[in-house]
Each structure stands twice: as C-alpha cells, then as structure tokens.
Amino acid sequence: MQAKYPKESRTTLTDLVLPSETNPLNNLFGGELLARMDRAASIAARRHSRRIVVTASVNHVAFNKAIPLGSVVTVEAAVSRAFKSSMEIFIDVWVEDRESGNRTKANEAIYTFVAVDETGAPVTVPPLEPETELEKQRYDAALRRKQLSLVLAGKMKPQDATELKALFEDKK
C-alpha cells in the first residue's frame, strides 16, 4: 500500500459562532466545538483511508481560549500518524479577530479514528509519510501516545513500550 502525506488529508472547516451555540458567557459551547472537531477529523481520516471511518477515541482536548459569539472559527485537521487500521488526527482550532483579521490558535485536540468495511470490521489503512518538521514531530509523538494508551488500557506491558521508555532513559 502506497504511503500518503498529511497534506492529502488536510481538512479546513470555517464557520461563524452563532447565538444558539453559546453559553451564558456568550462563548462557544465546548460540546459544539467538539462536534466541529469531530467532523473535520472524520473528513481527514476518510481522505487518508478512503474508507468508512469511526471515532475510536478523543485522546486530548485543550480548551485554551474562549471563542466569543460572532467569531470566525477555523478547524484544521490532518492525519498525524497511521497505524494498522487506526489513524491519529491532530486538530488545530483558530479564532479570527473580528477587526484585524489576525488568527490566534485557540484550541487543539487529538482524535483517533478507525477505518472499517461495510460490516464494521477494521481494515488496513495506508502508511503516512510526514514532510514538514511539525508533521514529523506530531508523527513521532503519536507512537508515544499510542503506547501510553495501550499501557494504561492493560493491552501492552510497560517494558514493551520502547518509545515511552526512551523518554526516561539516562542519556549519559
């Protein structure tokens, strides 16, 4: 199976924050943002795998900056690493200043999707070949996150998590 590049899965969703999507502080509901991120990540995973994809987990979400009513919000998602049937999707959320048009990173998240066939059985996905320095950093970190998740779930012995162990080894 031929490798694909993160740019082939890149998905950008831009939308406006409306009154019905805000909390009493007039900021975007966290759940609304999660749904937007899930949609963008789903499209990115489908573009990479060209298969039906399902959300397997939401591994990390950081709500670093409130997104006020009336803001233009851009959700950017791309596959950061592909495993056998699963794909890690890294999502960046940007908010556009209403007056200057400058974009500021507001939030980020990491989702995992699994490619499946019509019966729901997992199917193999193409490998990913990162190109930029950021893509390479996210690619390397994805394996550590996967190993940590497997260890915590009891599906991998800590001593077998070689990428995690390398973080803590004495480099003398």
Protein backbone atom coordinates (compact mmCIF):
# COMPACT_ATOMS: atom_id res chain seq x y z
CA MET A 1 0.00 0.00 0.00
CA GLN A 2 1.45 3.36 -1.04
CA ALA A 3 2.16 5.95 1.65
CA LYS A 4 0.22 9.19 1.75
CA TYR A 5 1.19 12.63 3.02
CA PRO A 6 -0.58 14.63 5.75
CA LYS A 7 -1.43 17.36 3.23
CA GLU A 8 -3.60 14.86 1.35
CA SER A 9 -5.89 14.53 4.37
CA ARG A 10 -5.84 18.19 5.44
CA THR A 11 -9.34 19.44 6.13
CA THR A 12 -10.33 23.01 6.94
CA LEU A 13 -13.76 23.95 8.26
CA THR A 14 -14.56 27.63 8.80
CA ASP A 15 -17.75 28.83 10.44
CA LEU A 16 -19.28 31.62 12.47
CA VAL A 17 -20.23 31.32 16.17
CA LEU A 18 -23.98 31.93 16.40
CA PRO A 19 -26.06 32.84 19.50
CA SER A 20 -27.66 29.38 19.76
CA GLU A 21 -24.16 27.83 20.04
CA THR A 22 -23.01 29.85 23.05
CA ASN A 23 -23.10 29.51 26.81
CA PRO A 24 -24.29 32.20 29.29
CA LEU A 25 -20.90 33.95 28.92
CA ASN A 26 -21.52 34.25 25.16
CA ASN A 27 -18.68 31.87 24.33
CA LEU A 28 -18.91 28.82 22.08
CA PHE A 29 -20.13 25.72 23.92
CA GLY A 30 -17.31 23.18 24.40
CA GLY A 31 -19.58 20.44 23.05
CA GLU A 32 -20.24 22.44 19.89
CA LEU A 33 -16.50 22.79 19.34
CA LEU A 34 -16.02 19.05 19.97
CA ALA A 35 -18.62 18.29 17.28
CA ARG A 36 -16.92 20.59 14.79
CA MET A 37 -13.55 18.98 15.53
CA ASP A 38 -15.05 15.50 15.16
CA ARG A 39 -16.49 16.39 11.74
CA ALA A 40 -13.18 17.82 10.48
CA ALA A 41 -11.22 14.84 11.86
CA SER A 42 -13.68 12.42 10.27
CA ILE A 43 -13.20 14.00 6.86
CA ALA A 44 -9.40 13.94 7.27
CA ALA A 45 -9.47 10.25 8.24
CA ARG A 46 -11.74 9.41 5.32
CA ARG A 47 -9.48 11.29 2.90
CA HIS A 48 -6.48 9.30 4.13
CA SER A 49 -8.12 5.88 4.21
CA ARG A 50 -10.81 6.27 1.53
CA ARG A 51 -12.92 4.04 3.75
CA ILE A 52 -15.76 4.40 6.24
CA VAL A 53 -14.27 5.76 9.47
CA VAL A 54 -15.49 5.80 13.05
CA THR A 55 -14.33 7.82 16.03
CA ALA A 56 -12.40 5.47 18.33
CA SER A 57 -11.33 7.98 20.95
CA VAL A 58 -10.85 11.60 21.83
CA ASN A 59 -7.33 11.43 23.23
CA HIS A 60 -6.69 15.03 24.10
CA VAL A 61 -8.62 18.28 24.06
CA ALA A 62 -7.30 21.62 25.23
CA PHE A 63 -9.75 24.48 25.64
CA ASN A 64 -7.06 27.16 25.93
CA LYS A 65 -9.00 30.19 24.77
CA ALA A 66 -12.69 31.04 24.88
CA ILE A 67 -14.27 31.62 21.48
CA PRO A 68 -16.74 34.52 21.68
CA LEU A 69 -20.07 34.96 19.93
CA GLY A 70 -19.65 36.26 16.39
CA SER A 71 -16.12 34.89 15.98
CA VAL A 72 -14.96 33.22 12.81
CA VAL A 73 -13.62 29.81 13.84
CA THR A 74 -11.40 27.66 11.66
CA VAL A 75 -10.84 23.99 12.47
CA GLU A 76 -7.85 22.40 10.71
CA ALA A 77 -7.41 18.63 10.86
CA ALA A 78 -4.88 16.25 9.31
CA VAL A 79 -3.73 12.70 9.88
CA SER A 80 -0.64 12.80 12.09
CA ARG A 81 0.08 9.06 12.02
CA ALA A 82 -1.46 5.93 10.54
CA PHE A 83 -1.20 2.56 12.25
CA LYS A 84 -2.71 -0.72 11.01
CA SER A 85 -6.36 0.32 10.85
CA SER A 86 -6.32 3.39 13.08
CA MET A 87 -5.30 6.96 12.39
CA GLU A 88 -4.41 9.72 14.79
CA ILE A 89 -5.81 13.07 13.71
CA PHE A 90 -4.30 16.28 15.08
CA ILE A 91 -6.67 19.24 15.14
CA ASP A 92 -5.82 22.94 15.47
CA VAL A 93 -8.56 25.48 16.18
CA TRP A 94 -8.07 29.10 15.18
CA VAL A 95 -10.15 32.15 16.00
CA GLU A 96 -10.09 35.20 13.77
CA ASP A 97 -10.04 38.66 15.30
CA ARG A 98 -13.18 40.44 14.09
CA GLU A 99 -11.43 43.74 13.41
CA SER A 100 -7.86 42.92 12.34
CA GLY A 101 -8.50 39.53 10.76
CA ASN A 102 -5.47 38.09 12.60
CA ARG A 103 -5.76 34.43 13.55
CA THR A 104 -4.88 33.10 17.00
CA LYS A 105 -4.66 29.46 17.99
CA ALA A 106 -7.45 28.90 20.48
CA ASN A 107 -7.57 25.14 21.00
CA GLU A 108 -6.22 21.81 19.86
CA ALA A 109 -7.24 18.19 20.03
CA ILE A 110 -6.14 14.71 19.08
CA TYR A 111 -8.71 12.17 17.92
CA THR A 112 -8.28 8.55 16.85
CA PHE A 113 -10.33 7.08 14.03
CA VAL A 114 -10.54 3.52 12.75
CA ALA A 115 -11.23 2.61 9.14
CA VAL A 116 -13.86 -0.10 8.73
CA ASP A 117 -15.60 -2.01 5.97
CA GLU A 118 -19.36 -2.13 5.39
CA THR A 119 -19.77 -4.67 8.22
CA GLY A 120 -17.84 -2.55 10.72
CA ALA A 121 -14.71 -4.73 10.67
CA PRO A 122 -11.38 -2.83 10.79
CA VAL A 123 -9.45 -2.54 7.53
CA THR A 124 -5.84 -1.65 6.79
CA VAL A 125 -5.03 1.98 6.02
CA PRO A 126 -2.12 3.41 4.02
CA PRO A 127 1.02 4.42 5.91
CA LEU A 128 1.72 8.11 6.45
CA GLU A 129 4.89 9.91 5.41
CA PRO A 130 5.35 13.24 7.21
CA GLU A 131 7.10 16.02 5.29
CA THR A 132 7.38 19.17 7.41
CA GLU A 133 9.18 19.46 10.74
CA LEU A 134 5.85 19.89 12.59
CA GLU A 135 4.40 16.83 10.83
CA LYS A 136 7.48 14.80 11.84
CA GLN A 137 7.16 15.91 15.48
CA ARG A 138 3.48 15.01 15.57
CA TYR A 139 4.18 11.69 13.82
CA ASP A 140 6.84 10.69 16.38
CA ALA A 141 4.72 11.79 19.34
CA ALA A 142 1.75 9.76 18.05
CA LEU A 143 3.55 6.48 18.70
CA ARG A 144 4.33 7.52 22.27
CA ARG A 145 0.69 8.49 22.81
CA LYS A 146 -0.48 5.15 21.38
CA GLN A 147 1.91 3.19 23.59
CA LEU A 148 0.81 5.13 26.67
CA SER A 149 -2.83 4.46 25.83
CA LEU A 150 -2.15 0.73 25.37
CA VAL A 151 -0.23 0.52 28.66
CA LEU A 152 -2.99 2.32 30.56
CA ALA A 153 -5.61 0.01 29.00
CA GLY A 154 -3.58 -3.06 30.03
CA LYS A 155 -3.05 -4.06 26.39
CA MET A 156 0.73 -3.52 26.46
CA LYS A 157 3.29 -4.27 29.15
CA PRO A 158 5.16 -1.14 30.28
CA GLN A 159 8.50 -2.78 29.49
CA ASP A 160 7.38 -3.23 25.87
CA ALA A 161 6.61 0.48 25.42
CA THR A 162 10.00 1.23 23.91
CA GLU A 163 9.17 4.75 22.72
CA LEU A 164 7.93 5.74 26.18
CA LYS A 165 10.92 4.16 27.92
CA ALA A 166 13.28 6.11 25.64
CA LEU A 167 11.90 9.36 27.09
CA PHE A 168 13.07 8.40 30.57
CA GLU A 169 16.34 6.60 29.87
CA ASP A 170 19.52 8.19 31.10
CA LYS A 171 21.32 9.60 28.06
CA LYS A 172 24.85 9.60 29.54
